[in-house]
Amino acid sequence: MTPIGTFFANESLTETYSFHTTFIEIYDRNSELKHVFQLTKDEQFKMNSKYRTSIHIVEKENSTVVTIDSDEITNFIKIAREKEPKPRFSETPIPYFWLTKRINVDWSINNFGDFLLDIFFIILYFIAICIDLIIIVVLFALRLLWFLILGLIYVVRSIF
C-alpha cells in the first residue's frame, strides 16, 4: 500500500499535551461523602493514620507513584504469598436441631385423646432433642479432628 500523505510535528506531544491525570477519592463512611482531589505535576498527597498506616501519592510526569505503608497491607501481602491458605474450621454439614425442627406438632388440646397424644409427643420431642444434641457433639468432634489434621499438615508443609 502507498501512504496517502505525510505528517510532521514540530513539538513533542508529551511536552504540549498531558494525558495523565491523578485523582484521589476519599470516602467518608460517617457522612457518606466522597471527596475527590486532583494532583497536578509534582504535587504530593500524604496521609498518616493513628492505626500505623501511611499513604504517600506523588504525581510525576505521565505516572503516579503510590506508596502505602501499613501493618494491614503487610499481613495482606503475606497471606497472598502463601501457597495454601490456613485451614479453617469447617461448617456443620447439617443445621443444628435438624431432627427437632422436623417434628411439627399441633399442641392444641380439644379432648382427652389430644392430651394423651401431647404427652406422647413430649416424650418423642425430648428423644429428638437428645438425638440432635448427640449429633451436634459427634459432628463437632469430627470437625475438630479434621481441623487438627489439616492444621498439622499445614504446619508440616510450611516447615518443609
Protein backbone atom coordinates (compact mmCIF):
# COMPACT_ATOMS: atom_id res chain seq x y z
CA MET A 1 0.00 0.00 0.00
CA THR A 2 1.11 3.53 -0.65
CA PRO A 3 0.70 6.17 2.07
CA ILE A 4 -1.71 9.00 1.21
CA GLY A 5 0.36 11.72 2.79
CA THR A 6 2.94 12.61 5.43
CA PHE A 7 2.67 14.03 8.89
CA PHE A 8 5.19 16.25 10.68
CA ALA A 9 5.06 17.80 14.18
CA ASN A 10 7.45 20.45 15.45
CA GLU A 11 6.94 19.78 19.15
CA SER A 12 6.88 16.65 21.22
CA LEU A 13 3.32 15.67 22.18
CA THR A 14 4.34 14.81 25.75
CA GLU A 15 5.54 18.35 26.37
CA THR A 16 2.43 20.04 24.98
CA TYR A 17 -0.33 17.66 25.98
CA SER A 18 -0.51 15.78 29.23
CA PHE A 19 -2.94 12.87 29.02
CA HIS A 20 -2.19 11.62 32.52
CA THR A 21 -4.33 12.80 35.41
CA THR A 22 -4.24 11.62 39.02
CA PHE A 23 -7.38 11.76 41.10
CA ILE A 24 -7.62 10.80 44.76
CA GLU A 25 -11.01 9.73 46.06
CA ILE A 26 -11.55 9.64 49.80
CA TYR A 27 -14.80 8.13 51.02
CA ASP A 28 -16.02 9.29 54.43
CA ARG A 29 -18.14 6.47 55.86
CA ASN A 30 -19.53 8.61 58.67
CA SER A 31 -21.06 11.26 56.45
CA GLU A 32 -21.24 9.02 53.35
CA LEU A 33 -19.49 11.68 51.29
CA LYS A 34 -16.82 11.14 48.66
CA HIS A 35 -14.09 13.80 48.41
CA VAL A 36 -12.17 13.99 45.12
CA PHE A 37 -8.79 15.69 44.73
CA GLN A 38 -6.78 16.16 41.55
CA LEU A 39 -2.99 16.26 41.74
CA THR A 40 -1.02 18.44 39.35
CA LYS A 41 2.54 17.69 38.18
CA ASP A 42 4.97 17.02 41.07
CA GLU A 43 2.21 17.56 43.65
CA GLN A 44 2.09 15.18 46.63
CA PHE A 45 -0.54 13.79 48.94
CA LYS A 46 0.41 12.38 52.35
CA MET A 47 -1.80 10.77 54.96
CA ASN A 48 -0.93 9.15 58.27
CA SER A 49 -3.49 7.47 60.50
CA LYS A 50 -3.38 6.58 64.15
CA TYR A 51 -3.52 2.90 63.13
CA ARG A 52 0.06 2.99 61.78
CA THR A 53 -0.96 3.44 58.16
CA SER A 54 0.85 5.86 55.89
CA ILE A 55 -0.19 6.74 52.32
CA HIS A 56 2.03 8.83 50.07
CA ILE A 57 0.96 9.70 46.49
CA VAL A 58 3.20 11.65 44.10
CA GLU A 59 2.14 12.88 40.65
CA LYS A 60 5.06 12.51 38.24
CA GLU A 61 5.10 13.25 34.53
CA ASN A 62 2.74 10.66 32.98
CA SER A 63 2.82 8.43 36.06
CA THR A 64 1.56 8.22 39.61
CA VAL A 65 3.57 6.72 42.45
CA VAL A 66 1.50 5.37 45.35
CA THR A 67 3.30 4.22 48.50
CA ILE A 68 1.27 2.52 51.24
CA ASP A 69 2.94 1.51 54.49
CA SER A 70 0.68 -0.38 56.86
CA ASP A 71 0.65 -3.44 59.08
CA GLU A 72 -2.61 -4.48 57.43
CA ILE A 73 -1.03 -4.33 53.96
CA THR A 74 1.94 -6.35 55.21
CA ASN A 75 -0.40 -9.03 56.55
CA PHE A 76 -2.43 -8.98 53.31
CA ILE A 77 0.69 -9.47 51.18
CA LYS A 78 1.94 -12.23 53.46
CA ILE A 79 -1.37 -14.09 53.16
CA ALA A 80 -1.47 -13.53 49.39
CA ARG A 81 2.02 -15.06 49.00
CA GLU A 82 1.13 -18.23 50.86
CA LYS A 83 0.78 -21.23 48.60
CA GLU A 84 -2.05 -22.67 50.61
CA PRO A 85 -4.28 -20.72 52.97
CA LYS A 86 -4.51 -21.75 56.57
CA PRO A 87 -7.21 -24.34 57.23
CA ARG A 88 -10.49 -23.06 58.59
CA PHE A 89 -12.81 -24.80 60.98
CA SER A 90 -15.47 -26.32 58.73
CA GLU A 91 -19.15 -25.54 58.89
CA THR A 92 -21.58 -28.11 60.15
CA PRO A 93 -22.94 -30.35 57.37
CA ILE A 94 -26.49 -30.27 58.76
CA PRO A 95 -28.25 -27.44 60.60
CA TYR A 96 -28.42 -27.59 64.38
CA PHE A 97 -31.51 -29.33 65.80
CA TRP A 98 -32.40 -30.61 62.34
CA LEU A 99 -34.48 -33.53 63.67
CA THR A 100 -36.28 -31.44 66.29
CA LYS A 101 -37.27 -28.84 63.70
CA ARG A 102 -38.74 -31.61 61.53
CA ILE A 103 -41.26 -32.54 64.21
CA ASN A 104 -44.36 -30.48 63.52
CA VAL A 105 -46.85 -30.99 66.34
CA ASP A 106 -50.20 -29.35 66.91
CA TRP A 107 -50.11 -28.84 70.67
CA SER A 108 -53.75 -27.81 70.98
CA ILE A 109 -55.92 -29.91 73.29
CA ASN A 110 -59.51 -30.42 72.19
CA ASN A 111 -60.26 -33.67 74.05
CA PHE A 112 -58.72 -36.27 76.33
CA GLY A 113 -57.16 -38.12 73.35
CA ASP A 114 -55.27 -34.94 72.34
CA PHE A 115 -53.97 -34.66 75.90
CA LEU A 116 -52.61 -38.25 75.83
CA LEU A 117 -51.18 -37.71 72.36
CA ASP A 118 -49.44 -34.50 73.54
CA ILE A 119 -47.82 -36.42 76.40
CA PHE A 120 -46.56 -38.98 73.85
CA PHE A 121 -45.24 -36.15 71.63
CA ILE A 122 -43.48 -34.53 74.60
CA ILE A 123 -41.60 -37.80 75.15
CA LEU A 124 -40.89 -38.06 71.40
CA TYR A 125 -39.78 -34.41 71.31
CA PHE A 126 -37.42 -34.97 74.25
CA ILE A 127 -35.90 -38.02 72.50
CA ALA A 128 -35.46 -35.95 69.29
CA ILE A 129 -33.68 -33.20 71.24
CA CYS A 130 -31.34 -35.77 72.83
CA ILE A 131 -30.57 -37.31 69.42
CA ASP A 132 -29.93 -33.82 67.97
CA LEU A 133 -27.56 -32.99 70.83
CA ILE A 134 -25.67 -36.25 70.26
CA ILE A 135 -25.44 -35.47 66.52
CA ILE A 136 -24.15 -31.95 67.27
CA VAL A 137 -21.46 -33.23 69.67
CA VAL A 138 -20.35 -36.02 67.32
CA LEU A 139 -20.20 -33.70 64.29
CA PHE A 140 -18.28 -31.11 66.31
CA ALA A 141 -15.78 -33.75 67.43
CA LEU A 142 -15.33 -34.98 63.85
CA ARG A 143 -14.89 -31.44 62.54
CA LEU A 144 -12.40 -30.67 65.32
CA LEU A 145 -10.42 -33.79 64.50
CA TRP A 146 -10.44 -32.88 60.78
CA PHE A 147 -9.35 -29.32 61.59
CA LEU A 148 -6.45 -30.58 63.74
CA ILE A 149 -5.33 -32.98 60.97
CA LEU A 150 -5.44 -30.19 58.37
CA GLY A 151 -3.58 -27.86 60.76
CA LEU A 152 -0.87 -30.45 61.33
CA ILE A 153 -0.48 -30.95 57.56
CA TYR A 154 -0.30 -27.16 57.10
CA VAL A 155 2.42 -26.80 59.75
CA VAL A 156 4.45 -29.68 58.31
CA ARG A 157 4.21 -28.26 54.76
CA SER A 158 5.21 -24.77 55.92
CA ILE A 159 8.34 -26.18 57.61
CA PHE A 160 9.47 -28.09 54.54
